[in-house]
Protein backbone atom coordinates (compact mmCIF):
# COMPACT_ATOMS: atom_id res chain seq x y z
CA UNK A 1 0.02 -0.11 0.00
CA UNK A 2 1.67 2.80 -1.45
CA UNK A 3 0.69 6.81 -0.83
CA UNK A 4 0.90 7.68 -4.98
CA UNK A 5 -0.82 10.85 -5.48
CA UNK A 6 0.09 10.98 -9.40
CA UNK A 7 -2.40 8.00 -9.41
CA UNK A 8 -5.01 10.30 -7.88
CA UNK A 9 -4.50 13.17 -9.75
CA UNK A 10 -3.98 11.31 -13.56
CA UNK A 11 -7.31 9.30 -13.35
CA UNK A 12 -10.92 9.71 -13.23
CA UNK A 13 -12.89 7.25 -10.41
CA UNK A 14 -16.56 5.95 -10.27
CA UNK A 15 -16.47 6.88 -6.88
CA UNK A 16 -14.23 9.41 -4.75
CA UNK A 17 -15.07 8.86 -0.74
CA UNK A 18 -14.14 11.66 1.31
CA UNK A 19 -12.90 10.47 5.10
CA UNK A 20 -10.87 7.38 6.03
CA UNK A 21 -12.78 6.55 9.37
CA UNK A 22 -14.65 2.98 9.78
CA UNK A 23 -17.48 4.04 7.17
CA UNK A 24 -15.25 5.42 4.18
CA UNK A 25 -13.02 2.14 4.90
CA UNK A 26 -16.02 -0.24 4.64
CA UNK A 27 -17.52 1.86 1.59
CA UNK A 28 -13.99 1.74 -0.23
CA UNK A 29 -14.03 -1.89 0.50
CA UNK A 30 -17.57 -2.58 -0.72
CA UNK A 31 -17.20 -0.54 -3.85
CA UNK A 32 -13.70 -2.32 -4.73
CA UNK A 33 -15.09 -5.72 -4.28
CA UNK A 34 -17.74 -4.92 -7.41
CA UNK A 35 -14.98 -3.37 -9.41
CA UNK A 36 -15.32 -0.30 -9.12
CA UNK A 37 -12.58 2.53 -9.65
CA UNK A 38 -12.48 4.16 -6.30
CA UNK A 39 -10.20 6.92 -4.48
CA UNK A 40 -10.25 7.02 -0.61
CA UNK A 41 -9.00 10.43 1.26
CA UNK A 42 -8.39 11.49 4.42
CA UNK A 43 -7.25 14.81 5.96
CA UNK A 44 -5.43 13.16 8.79
CA UNK A 45 -4.64 9.47 8.86
CA UNK A 46 -6.60 6.46 8.25
CA UNK A 47 -8.91 6.09 11.25
CA UNK A 48 -7.42 8.38 13.86
CA UNK A 49 -10.81 10.63 14.65
CA UNK A 50 -13.68 9.41 16.00
CA UNK A 51 -12.61 5.92 14.75
CA UNK A 52 -9.83 5.70 16.92
CA UNK A 53 -12.56 6.29 19.74
CA UNK A 54 -13.67 2.89 20.49
CA UNK A 55 -14.47 0.54 23.79
CA UNK A 56 -13.35 -2.02 21.20
CA UNK A 57 -16.85 -4.04 21.57
CA UNK A 58 -18.36 -5.05 18.35
CA UNK A 59 -22.23 -4.74 19.70
CA UNK A 60 -24.51 -7.87 19.18
CA UNK A 61 -27.26 -5.89 20.04
CA UNK A 62 -28.49 -6.96 22.84
CA UNK A 63 -29.55 -3.33 24.17
CA UNK A 64 -31.69 -3.42 20.74
CA UNK A 65 -33.78 -6.14 21.72
CA UNK A 66 -34.44 -4.76 25.44
CA UNK A 67 -35.89 -2.05 23.38
CA UNK A 68 -37.81 -4.30 20.57
CA UNK A 69 -36.03 -2.61 17.98
CA UNK A 70 -36.00 -6.04 16.32
CA UNK A 71 -34.64 -4.37 12.63
CA UNK A 72 -31.40 -2.79 14.56
CA UNK A 73 -30.96 -5.95 16.42
CA UNK A 74 -30.83 -8.03 13.64
CA UNK A 75 -28.66 -5.53 11.79
CA UNK A 76 -26.01 -5.60 14.80
CA UNK A 77 -26.33 -9.40 14.68
CA UNK A 78 -25.86 -9.60 11.04
CA UNK A 79 -22.53 -7.59 10.96
CA UNK A 80 -20.97 -8.76 14.41
CA UNK A 81 -21.18 -12.18 12.49
CA UNK A 82 -19.73 -10.96 9.30
CA UNK A 83 -17.03 -9.35 11.33
CA UNK A 84 -15.93 -12.86 12.79
CA UNK A 85 -15.95 -14.00 9.66
CA UNK A 86 -13.84 -11.34 7.55
CA UNK A 87 -10.91 -10.75 10.64
CA UNK A 88 -10.99 -13.80 12.90
CA UNK A 89 -7.39 -12.54 14.04
CA UNK A 90 -8.75 -9.29 14.97
CA UNK A 91 -12.40 -10.06 16.32
CA UNK A 92 -13.10 -12.48 18.96
CA UNK A 93 -15.87 -13.30 21.70
CA UNK A 94 -15.98 -11.59 24.60
CA UNK A 95 -18.53 -12.94 27.58
CA UNK A 96 -20.39 -10.15 29.74
CA UNK A 97 -22.30 -10.00 32.89
CA UNK A 98 -24.86 -7.47 33.66
CA UNK A 99 -25.88 -7.76 37.58
CA UNK A 100 -29.71 -8.43 38.24
CA UNK A 101 -31.68 -6.69 40.80
CA UNK A 102 -35.11 -7.55 42.31
CA UNK A 103 -37.86 -9.01 40.37
CA UNK A 104 -39.04 -6.84 37.52
CA UNK A 105 -37.66 -5.69 34.42
CA UNK A 106 -33.96 -5.38 35.73
CA UNK A 107 -34.63 -8.93 37.39
CA UNK A 108 -33.06 -12.45 36.93
CA UNK A 109 -36.62 -14.21 35.44
CA UNK A 110 -36.95 -10.85 32.83
CA UNK A 111 -33.38 -11.06 32.03
CA UNK A 112 -33.24 -15.03 31.40
CA UNK A 113 -36.63 -14.23 29.22
CA UNK A 114 -34.45 -11.78 27.32
CA UNK A 115 -31.49 -13.81 27.07
CA UNK A 116 -33.41 -16.77 25.39
CA UNK A 117 -35.20 -14.19 23.13
CA UNK A 118 -31.75 -12.90 22.14
CA UNK A 119 -30.49 -16.88 21.41
CA UNK A 120 -33.24 -17.56 19.24
CA UNK A 121 -33.67 -14.09 17.43
CA UNK A 122 -29.64 -14.71 16.62
CA UNK A 123 -29.67 -18.59 16.26
CA UNK A 124 -27.74 -18.38 12.71
CA UNK A 125 -24.89 -16.06 14.62
CA UNK A 126 -22.48 -18.71 14.04
CA UNK A 127 -23.11 -19.93 10.86
CA UNK A 128 -19.60 -20.34 8.72
CA UNK A 129 -17.56 -18.71 11.73
CA UNK A 130 -14.69 -20.50 13.04
CA UNK A 131 -15.74 -22.49 15.59
CA UNK A 132 -12.86 -20.82 17.56
CA UNK A 133 -15.03 -17.48 17.17
CA UNK A 134 -18.49 -19.15 18.40
CA UNK A 135 -20.63 -17.00 20.40
CA UNK A 136 -22.22 -19.14 23.27
CA UNK A 137 -26.21 -18.93 24.59
CA UNK A 138 -26.30 -16.34 27.47
CA UNK A 139 -27.65 -18.03 31.13
CA UNK A 140 -28.66 -16.47 34.21
CA UNK A 141 -25.88 -16.73 36.83
CA UNK A 142 -25.91 -17.06 40.57
CA UNK A 143 -25.37 -13.66 42.79
CA UNK A 144 -21.98 -15.35 44.13
CA UNK A 145 -20.86 -16.02 41.02
CA UNK A 146 -21.83 -12.65 39.47
CA UNK A 147 -19.90 -10.98 42.33
CA UNK A 148 -16.83 -13.60 41.61
CA UNK A 149 -16.55 -11.93 38.05
CA UNK A 150 -17.30 -8.85 39.13
CA UNK A 151 -15.53 -8.15 42.80
CA UNK A 152 -15.73 -4.58 42.90
CA UNK A 153 -19.33 -4.13 42.65
CA UNK A 154 -21.50 -3.28 45.69
CA UNK A 155 -22.99 -6.60 46.52
CA UNK A 156 -26.41 -4.81 48.04
CA UNK A 157 -29.66 -5.87 45.98
CA UNK A 158 -27.63 -8.03 43.80
CA UNK A 159 -29.57 -11.23 42.96
CA UNK A 160 -27.79 -12.51 40.36
CA UNK A 161 -26.40 -11.76 37.02
CA UNK A 162 -27.27 -11.99 33.25
CA UNK A 163 -24.57 -13.40 31.44
CA UNK A 164 -24.18 -13.43 27.75
CA UNK A 165 -21.26 -13.09 24.89
CA UNK A 166 -20.40 -10.22 22.67
CA UNK A 167 -17.17 -9.57 20.34
CA UNK A 168 -14.31 -7.76 20.76
CA UNK A 169 -11.89 -6.12 18.49
CA UNK A 170 -7.94 -7.04 19.85
CA UNK A 171 -7.32 -3.65 18.04
CA UNK A 172 -9.87 -1.71 16.01
CA UNK A 173 -7.25 0.27 14.48
CA UNK A 174 -6.41 -2.56 12.42
CA UNK A 175 -9.54 -3.93 11.52
CA UNK A 176 -10.19 -0.62 9.94
CA UNK A 177 -6.56 -0.60 8.20
CA UNK A 178 -7.63 -4.14 6.68
CA UNK A 179 -10.38 -2.69 5.01
CA UNK A 180 -8.59 -0.27 3.43
CA UNK A 181 -5.63 -2.55 2.63
CA UNK A 182 -7.88 -5.13 1.18
CA UNK A 183 -9.49 -2.23 -0.99
CA UNK A 184 -5.80 -1.43 -2.09
CA UNK A 185 -5.26 -5.05 -3.07
CA UNK A 186 -8.51 -4.78 -5.09
CA UNK A 187 -7.65 -1.44 -6.83
CA UNK A 188 -8.83 1.41 -4.80
CA UNK A 189 -6.20 4.43 -4.30
CA UNK A 190 -5.86 5.67 -0.70
CA UNK A 191 -3.94 8.40 0.59
CA UNK A 192 -3.74 9.71 4.38
CA UNK A 193 -3.32 13.39 4.79
CA UNK A 194 -4.84 14.35 1.75
CA UNK A 195 -7.41 16.86 2.75
CA UNK A 196 -10.55 18.01 0.68
CA UNK A 197 -10.58 21.97 0.54
CA UNK A 198 -13.40 22.00 -1.74
CA UNK A 199 -15.38 20.64 -4.07
CA UNK A 200 -15.22 21.39 -8.03
CA UNK A 201 -18.96 22.18 -9.45
CA UNK A 202 -20.35 22.84 -12.31
CA UNK A 203 -23.68 24.50 -12.47
CA UNK A 204 -25.84 21.53 -10.31
CA UNK A 205 -23.26 18.90 -10.61
CA UNK A 206 -20.38 17.96 -8.46
CA UNK A 207 -17.42 16.70 -10.46
CA UNK A 208 -14.36 16.29 -8.39
CA UNK A 209 -12.43 17.80 -5.40
CA UNK A 210 -9.91 20.16 -4.72
CA UNK A 211 -7.22 18.85 -2.32
CA UNK A 212 -4.00 19.94 -0.57
CA UNK A 213 -1.28 17.24 0.35
CA UNK A 214 -0.93 18.25 3.84
CA UNK A 215 2.59 16.62 3.85
CA UNK A 216 4.24 18.80 1.29
CA UNK A 217 1.17 21.51 0.57
CA UNK A 218 0.70 20.78 -3.19
CA UNK A 219 -3.05 21.46 -4.63
CA UNK A 220 -4.39 19.10 -7.42
CA UNK A 221 -7.85 18.08 -8.44
CA UNK A 222 -9.03 14.56 -8.17
CA UNK A 223 -11.78 13.97 -10.64
CA UNK A 224 -14.84 11.55 -10.03
CA UNK A 225 -18.73 10.43 -11.19
CA UNK A 226 -19.47 10.40 -7.59
CA UNK A 227 -18.51 11.74 -4.77
CA UNK A 228 -19.49 10.38 -1.05
CA UNK A 229 -18.88 12.56 2.02
CA UNK A 230 -18.13 10.18 5.04
CA UNK A 231 -15.39 13.12 6.94
CA UNK A 232 -17.67 12.26 10.12
CA UNK A 233 -17.69 15.01 12.58
CA UNK A 234 -16.04 17.21 9.66
CA UNK A 235 -19.13 15.99 7.48
CA UNK A 236 -20.44 19.88 7.34
CA UNK A 237 -17.21 21.55 6.49
CA UNK A 238 -17.43 20.68 2.97
CA UNK A 239 -21.06 20.65 2.81
CA UNK A 240 -21.35 24.44 3.84
CA UNK A 241 -19.63 25.79 0.63
CA UNK A 242 -20.70 23.39 -1.78
CA UNK A 243 -24.32 21.93 -1.20
CA UNK A 244 -26.22 24.57 0.00
CA UNK A 245 -27.64 22.55 2.68
CA UNK A 246 -27.81 22.86 6.31
CA UNK A 247 -25.69 21.49 8.82
CA UNK A 248 -26.27 17.52 9.34
CA UNK A 249 -24.49 17.42 12.75
CA UNK A 250 -24.90 18.40 16.25
CA UNK A 251 -22.20 17.16 18.07
CA UNK A 252 -21.27 15.46 21.35
CA UNK A 253 -18.36 14.12 22.50
CA UNK A 254 -17.95 10.41 23.64
CA UNK A 255 -14.61 9.49 26.08
CA UNK A 256 -13.69 6.26 27.04
CA UNK A 257 -10.84 5.48 29.59
CA UNK A 258 -7.84 3.13 29.17
CA UNK A 259 -7.11 1.82 32.81
CA UNK A 260 -3.53 0.19 32.95
CA UNK A 261 -4.80 -2.41 35.23
CA UNK A 262 -6.85 -5.99 35.47
CA UNK A 263 -9.94 -4.98 37.44
CA UNK A 264 -11.69 -7.75 35.41
CA UNK A 265 -10.44 -10.93 34.27
CA UNK A 266 -12.00 -12.44 31.77
CA UNK A 267 -15.54 -11.12 31.75
CA UNK A 268 -16.90 -7.39 30.71
CA UNK A 269 -19.81 -5.78 32.98
CA UNK A 270 -22.02 -3.68 32.49
CA UNK A 271 -22.89 -1.96 35.75
CA UNK A 272 -25.14 1.46 37.02
CA UNK A 273 -23.12 4.25 38.09
CA UNK A 274 -25.11 6.93 40.08
CA UNK A 275 -24.53 11.08 38.91
CA UNK A 276 -26.09 14.15 39.83
CA UNK A 277 -27.56 16.62 37.95
CA UNK A 278 -28.34 20.24 38.42
CA UNK A 279 -31.53 21.54 36.43
CA UNK A 280 -31.70 25.04 35.02
CA UNK A 281 -34.26 25.91 37.93
CA UNK A 282 -31.95 24.76 40.70
CA UNK A 283 -33.56 21.48 41.06
CA UNK A 284 -31.41 18.58 41.43
CA UNK A 285 -31.81 15.32 39.73
CA UNK A 286 -30.14 12.26 41.15
CA UNK A 287 -29.71 9.22 38.38
CA UNK A 288 -28.13 6.27 37.03
CA UNK A 289 -26.50 5.38 33.59
CA UNK A 290 -25.42 2.46 32.43
CA UNK A 291 -21.45 2.09 32.00
CA UNK A 292 -19.35 -0.31 30.74
CA UNK A 293 -16.00 -2.09 31.99
CA UNK A 294 -14.31 -4.69 30.05
CA UNK A 295 -10.52 -6.44 29.95
CA UNK A 296 -8.54 -6.04 26.57
CA UNK A 297 -5.19 -7.21 26.76
CA UNK A 298 -3.48 -6.15 29.82
CA UNK A 299 -5.95 -2.86 30.54
CA UNK A 300 -9.24 -2.02 31.40
CA UNK A 301 -11.52 -0.25 28.91
CA UNK A 302 -14.38 1.95 30.91
CA UNK A 303 -16.97 3.92 29.02
CA UNK A 304 -18.84 6.09 27.94
CA UNK A 305 -18.89 9.73 29.10
CA UNK A 306 -21.15 11.91 27.05
CA UNK A 307 -20.89 15.66 26.97
CA UNK A 308 -22.59 18.25 24.40
CA UNK A 309 -20.09 19.57 21.80
CA UNK A 310 -20.31 23.38 20.30
CA UNK A 311 -17.01 24.16 19.17
CA UNK A 312 -15.02 22.96 15.61
CA UNK A 313 -14.17 19.39 15.82
CA UNK A 314 -10.69 19.92 15.13
CA UNK A 315 -10.34 21.98 18.32
CA UNK A 316 -11.91 19.43 20.48
CA UNK A 317 -9.72 18.84 23.48
CA UNK A 318 -9.43 15.90 26.46
CA UNK A 319 -9.93 18.25 29.60
CA UNK A 320 -8.78 17.42 33.24
CA UNK A 321 -12.05 18.19 34.58
CA UNK A 322 -13.90 15.79 32.75
CA UNK A 323 -11.92 12.79 33.59
CA UNK A 324 -12.39 13.37 36.85
CA UNK A 325 -15.79 13.51 36.65
CA UNK A 326 -16.32 10.06 34.96
CA UNK A 327 -13.63 8.70 37.69
CA UNK A 328 -16.61 9.99 40.34
CA UNK A 329 -19.19 7.94 38.54
CA UNK A 330 -17.35 4.99 37.61
CA UNK A 331 -16.02 4.29 41.41
CA UNK A 332 -19.94 5.21 42.92
CA UNK A 333 -20.70 2.39 40.46
CA UNK A 334 -17.88 0.13 41.11
CA UNK A 335 -16.88 1.10 44.84
CA UNK A 336 -14.84 -1.84 45.56
CA UNK A 337 -11.73 -1.29 43.32
CA UNK A 338 -11.60 2.09 42.89
CA UNK A 339 -10.12 3.42 40.04
CA UNK A 340 -7.50 6.63 40.37
CA UNK A 341 -6.11 9.08 38.11
CA UNK A 342 -2.92 7.75 38.21
CA UNK A 343 -3.99 4.40 36.73
CA UNK A 344 -5.87 6.17 33.82
CA UNK A 345 -3.11 5.51 31.03
CA UNK A 346 -5.03 6.65 28.06
CA UNK A 347 -8.03 8.90 27.20
CA UNK A 348 -9.97 8.03 23.83
CA UNK A 349 -12.37 11.01 23.01
CA UNK A 350 -14.23 11.35 19.71
CA UNK A 351 -17.95 12.61 18.56
CA UNK A 352 -20.97 11.30 17.92
CA UNK A 353 -24.29 13.21 16.29
CA UNK A 354 -26.83 14.07 18.87
CA UNK A 355 -30.38 15.23 18.84
CA UNK A 356 -29.52 17.77 22.09
CA UNK A 357 -29.96 17.45 25.99
CA UNK A 358 -32.68 15.92 27.94
CA UNK A 359 -33.75 18.59 30.22
CA UNK A 360 -34.69 16.55 33.07
CA UNK A 361 -31.43 14.62 33.50
CA UNK A 362 -29.01 16.59 31.62
CA UNK A 363 -28.09 13.22 29.58
CA UNK A 364 -27.01 13.73 26.05
CA UNK A 365 -29.72 12.38 23.74
CA UNK A 366 -27.86 10.48 21.10
CA UNK A 367 -29.00 10.00 16.98
CA UNK A 368 -29.82 6.12 16.82
CA UNK A 369 -30.07 5.99 13.05
CA UNK A 370 -27.37 6.64 10.38
CA UNK A 371 -28.06 9.03 7.70
CA UNK A 372 -27.57 8.67 4.05
CA UNK A 373 -28.24 11.97 2.29
CA UNK A 374 -28.83 12.05 -1.42
CA UNK A 375 -27.99 15.79 -2.35
CA UNK A 376 -29.80 15.47 -5.31
CA UNK A 377 -33.00 15.41 -3.32
CA UNK A 378 -32.27 17.36 -0.48
CA UNK A 379 -30.85 20.61 -2.38
CA UNK A 380 -30.68 19.77 -5.79
CA UNK A 381 -26.70 19.01 -6.26
CA UNK A 382 -26.26 16.03 -8.22
CA UNK A 383 -23.45 13.35 -7.80
CA UNK A 384 -22.78 13.78 -4.24
CA UNK A 385 -23.72 11.66 -1.11
CA UNK A 386 -22.96 12.28 2.56
CA UNK A 387 -23.01 9.63 5.11
CA UNK A 388 -23.92 10.40 9.09
CA UNK A 389 -22.61 7.32 11.03
CA UNK A 390 -23.56 6.34 14.39
CA UNK A 391 -21.97 2.75 15.43
CA UNK A 392 -18.38 1.69 14.37
CA UNK A 393 -20.27 -2.35 14.24
CA UNK A 394 -22.66 -2.06 11.60
CA UNK A 395 -20.31 0.98 9.59
CA UNK A 396 -20.28 -2.23 6.90
CA UNK A 397 -23.82 -2.40 6.43
CA UNK A 398 -24.34 1.39 6.16
CA UNK A 399 -21.74 0.94 3.46
CA UNK A 400 -23.46 -1.72 1.25
CA UNK A 401 -26.71 0.80 1.34
CA UNK A 402 -24.47 3.48 0.45
CA UNK A 403 -23.18 1.84 -2.51
CA UNK A 404 -26.40 0.69 -3.95
CA UNK A 405 -27.54 4.36 -3.88
CA UNK A 406 -24.03 5.37 -5.81
CA UNK A 407 -24.61 1.98 -8.00
CA UNK A 408 -28.27 3.65 -9.24
CA UNK A 409 -26.62 6.86 -10.36
CA UNK A 410 -23.74 5.23 -12.33
CA UNK A 411 -26.36 3.16 -14.05
CA UNK A 412 -24.85 0.10 -12.70
CA UNK A 413 -26.51 -3.20 -11.30
CA UNK A 414 -26.60 -3.50 -7.77
CA UNK A 415 -25.91 -6.93 -8.28
CA UNK A 416 -22.35 -6.42 -9.36
CA UNK A 417 -20.67 -9.83 -8.88
CA UNK A 418 -17.81 -9.99 -6.37
CA UNK A 419 -14.42 -9.75 -7.42
CA UNK A 420 -12.70 -11.88 -4.61
CA UNK A 421 -14.07 -13.78 -1.54
CA UNK A 422 -15.56 -11.92 1.42
CA UNK A 423 -12.52 -11.37 4.25
CA UNK A 424 -10.17 -8.88 4.85
CA UNK A 425 -6.18 -9.13 4.83
CA UNK A 426 -4.96 -11.53 7.20
CA UNK A 427 -8.28 -12.70 7.87
CA UNK A 428 -8.09 -15.88 5.21
CA UNK A 429 -8.17 -18.79 8.72
CA UNK A 430 -10.07 -21.86 8.48
CA UNK A 431 -8.86 -22.35 12.10
CA UNK A 432 -7.55 -19.75 14.49
CA UNK A 433 -6.13 -22.20 17.19
CA UNK A 434 -4.53 -23.84 14.19
CA UNK A 435 -2.90 -20.83 12.94
CA UNK A 436 -1.75 -19.63 16.32
CA UNK A 437 -0.22 -22.79 17.00
CA UNK A 438 1.44 -23.20 13.91
CA UNK A 439 2.65 -19.56 14.58
CA UNK A 440 4.54 -20.67 17.91
CA UNK A 441 5.76 -24.02 16.82
CA UNK A 442 7.51 -22.21 14.06
CA UNK A 443 8.67 -18.97 15.33
CA UNK A 444 12.25 -17.88 14.97
CA UNK A 445 14.15 -18.75 18.05
CA UNK A 446 14.96 -14.75 18.64
CA UNK A 447 11.11 -14.10 19.74
CA UNK A 448 9.29 -15.20 22.35
CA UNK A 449 5.99 -17.13 22.29
CA UNK A 450 4.23 -14.86 23.68
CA UNK A 451 5.37 -12.28 20.33
CA UNK A 452 4.43 -14.72 18.10
CA UNK A 453 0.47 -14.96 19.74
CA UNK A 454 0.41 -11.29 19.44
CA UNK A 455 1.81 -11.35 16.00
CA UNK A 456 -1.10 -13.88 14.86
CA UNK A 457 -3.60 -11.12 16.90
CA UNK A 458 -2.59 -8.04 14.89
CA UNK A 459 -1.32 -9.69 11.34
CA UNK A 460 -3.45 -13.05 11.43
CA UNK A 461 -2.40 -15.08 8.14
CA UNK A 462 -0.39 -12.51 6.99
CA UNK A 463 2.06 -12.64 9.93
CA UNK A 464 4.35 -14.64 7.97
CA UNK A 465 5.00 -11.30 5.86
CA UNK A 466 6.61 -9.68 8.79
CA UNK A 467 8.76 -12.92 10.11
CA UNK A 468 10.41 -13.25 6.62
CA UNK A 469 11.07 -9.18 5.41
CA UNK A 470 14.41 -9.30 4.14
CA UNK A 471 17.32 -7.54 5.10
CA UNK A 472 15.87 -7.24 8.71
CA UNK A 473 17.21 -8.90 11.56
CA UNK A 474 13.98 -10.14 13.79
CA UNK A 475 14.39 -8.17 17.16
CA UNK A 476 12.50 -7.36 20.39
CA UNK A 477 11.74 -3.12 20.79
CA UNK A 478 13.76 -2.05 23.59
CA UNK A 479 10.92 -1.52 26.57
CA UNK A 480 8.49 -3.48 24.96
CA UNK A 481 9.88 -7.04 24.69
CA UNK A 482 6.42 -8.74 22.53
CA UNK A 483 6.63 -6.12 19.61
CA UNK A 484 9.61 -6.92 17.18
CA UNK A 485 11.74 -4.08 14.90
CA UNK A 486 10.24 -5.27 11.29
CA UNK A 487 6.76 -4.09 12.45
CA UNK A 488 8.14 -0.53 12.22
CA UNK A 489 9.51 -1.18 8.79
CA UNK A 490 6.45 -3.06 7.57
CA UNK A 491 4.10 -0.13 8.84
CA UNK A 492 6.47 2.44 7.05
CA UNK A 493 6.94 0.42 3.78
CA UNK A 494 3.69 -1.29 3.50
CA UNK A 495 0.95 0.54 5.39
CA UNK A 496 1.73 4.09 4.50
CA UNK A 497 2.57 5.56 8.11
CA UNK A 498 4.19 9.00 7.75
CA UNK A 499 4.24 9.63 11.67
CA UNK A 500 5.40 8.09 15.07
CA UNK A 501 1.98 8.40 15.82
CA UNK A 502 0.69 6.55 12.60
CA UNK A 503 3.17 3.78 13.65
CA UNK A 504 2.55 3.42 17.68
CA UNK A 505 -1.23 4.05 17.29
CA UNK A 506 -2.95 2.88 14.44
CA UNK A 507 -0.31 0.19 12.74
CA UNK A 508 0.99 -1.78 15.69
CA UNK A 509 -0.67 -1.85 19.32
CA UNK A 510 2.28 -0.40 20.96
CA UNK A 511 0.77 2.86 21.97
CA UNK A 512 -2.80 2.48 21.63
CA UNK A 513 -2.90 1.58 25.59
CA UNK A 514 -0.39 3.96 27.21
CA UNK A 515 2.71 5.86 26.23
CA UNK A 516 5.36 3.73 25.29
CA UNK A 517 8.97 3.95 27.14
CA UNK A 518 11.28 6.33 26.49
CA UNK A 519 13.66 3.73 25.15
CA UNK A 520 10.80 2.40 22.90
CA UNK A 521 10.21 6.11 21.37
CA UNK A 522 13.79 6.66 20.51
CA UNK A 523 14.45 3.17 18.74
CA UNK A 524 11.03 3.16 16.81
CA UNK A 525 11.36 7.02 15.86
CA UNK A 526 15.47 5.95 14.53
CA UNK A 527 14.15 3.56 12.59
CA UNK A 528 11.11 5.21 10.94
CA UNK A 529 13.39 8.40 11.25
CA UNK A 530 16.26 6.50 8.94
CA UNK A 531 13.23 5.13 6.67
CA UNK A 532 11.45 8.23 5.96
CA UNK A 533 14.33 10.70 5.99
CA UNK A 534 13.93 12.75 9.27
CA UNK A 535 16.93 14.82 10.73
CA UNK A 536 17.15 15.07 14.22
CA UNK A 537 15.00 18.15 14.92
CA UNK A 538 12.18 16.28 13.17
CA UNK A 539 12.51 13.25 14.77
CA UNK A 540 12.62 14.72 18.76
CA UNK A 541 9.19 16.72 16.88
CA UNK A 542 7.50 13.65 16.13
CA UNK A 543 8.72 12.21 19.72
CA UNK A 544 6.96 15.30 21.26
CA UNK A 545 3.72 15.07 19.17
CA UNK A 546 3.07 11.25 20.31
CA UNK A 547 3.85 12.05 23.75
CA UNK A 548 1.04 14.94 23.45
CA UNK A 549 -1.68 12.51 22.58
CA UNK A 550 -1.55 11.14 26.55
CA UNK A 551 -1.70 14.67 27.36
CA UNK A 552 -5.19 16.34 28.70
CA UNK A 553 -5.48 20.39 29.32
CA UNK A 554 -6.67 22.28 32.19
CA UNK A 555 -10.25 22.93 33.05
CA UNK A 556 -13.30 24.02 30.83
CA UNK A 557 -13.71 27.76 30.78
């Protein structure tokens, strides 16, 4: 996967996709699979904005079943199932528990019926899935077992637990990248750090996009028949000048914490956390909301904390007072094992579209349904489609629906044959346990069994590509023994990484949980700098930029 701007400027494409978050990535894959010529660009790195803010959960939609929203439930089941098939190295089952209380809607009797209905309506959830990735049936567990699984809960009132399984991404960043890499293998032309500055409009038709190379400063045009705006929180930036439509988004921030401590061993936990809201008239609302805590590698992920947002998305910062407020809620809901501020090693923060605030309890009212906007119908601008997504798990489903609209506009059949089987790069795996055994037994003597395991989780069936890079000696990284030096070369040479943050946050897992040690940063920066031609000043700037990702600002004004 090479960053070839000349190929973008010299060719005309069937589809130009602006924004390479999970929605743009999935759309590029769906379109490329059907033989369309596709250009995919992003103003930053692939998946570096909202898609990087994730609890890593690939939801099966149990909460939609509680709301009797069967359509969304089935969409979620179908997409979780597909992700388990497309990338079994990156997505795997995750057991979950929710404490039961009383004998009404939150009691074990009602929850047992809900779990049974969940199993019945998702009876096809394991069809064609590697046995290692099967989602088992749900059940009610005893009070004792629930408290064993989540020992930090306040036991008062708990009379059991609803136990079910969802799915978790080992690396949601590499899952997104896998969509893009597979699309590029088929024929898509992709480029990061290429910002769309304006749309090329002739009367009522959009014919392409003006872009700026944010690395070198060059400007040029990309021409295409259909332009699809999947820019996430930045979707309105392009539309305001070119389509005449009003704003599509009201934004809220969504924050998840990475805790460098194993609060749970194997089972994720949904739990009620109390909160207080002061209304405009001075009265107080005391309520409870569900938070989620999930074990992930050597960490615990906790989310999600929602707040309204009024600024430009590029100006969003992680504020210390927000972290403190979230920790207070977490520790009220999980008091037996309090999370201290120093336990928080990283903060994920991104955006979700909202309808507004609930005036009664102050909670953000999130938009529940995605939007696919045909600007020809909305504001009489031809060849332009905008997509507003609400959920990582179902991005591919929305991409398929968006593509149907694009194919109709192109005058092509919606049933174009696929150019290759449906799996993502590294995901052509019949048995993950067999792959893992092969990697452990066949590993070079210079790397550990833990490293071999990690390599199969990140790269799947493609892990030998990193073990056999010509001229690269396999060595563990200083301060991070599970990672090897060939990953850095691979990220730069084969995966379009151009900054230290690209490498450590989104091509590998080295910095996704916490800031790497100084010796690790220096070694990785030295390797990358040699590959990319950095001088000493640029190398230090890259290290400083990476460290800034883990910093917070002071209190809000």
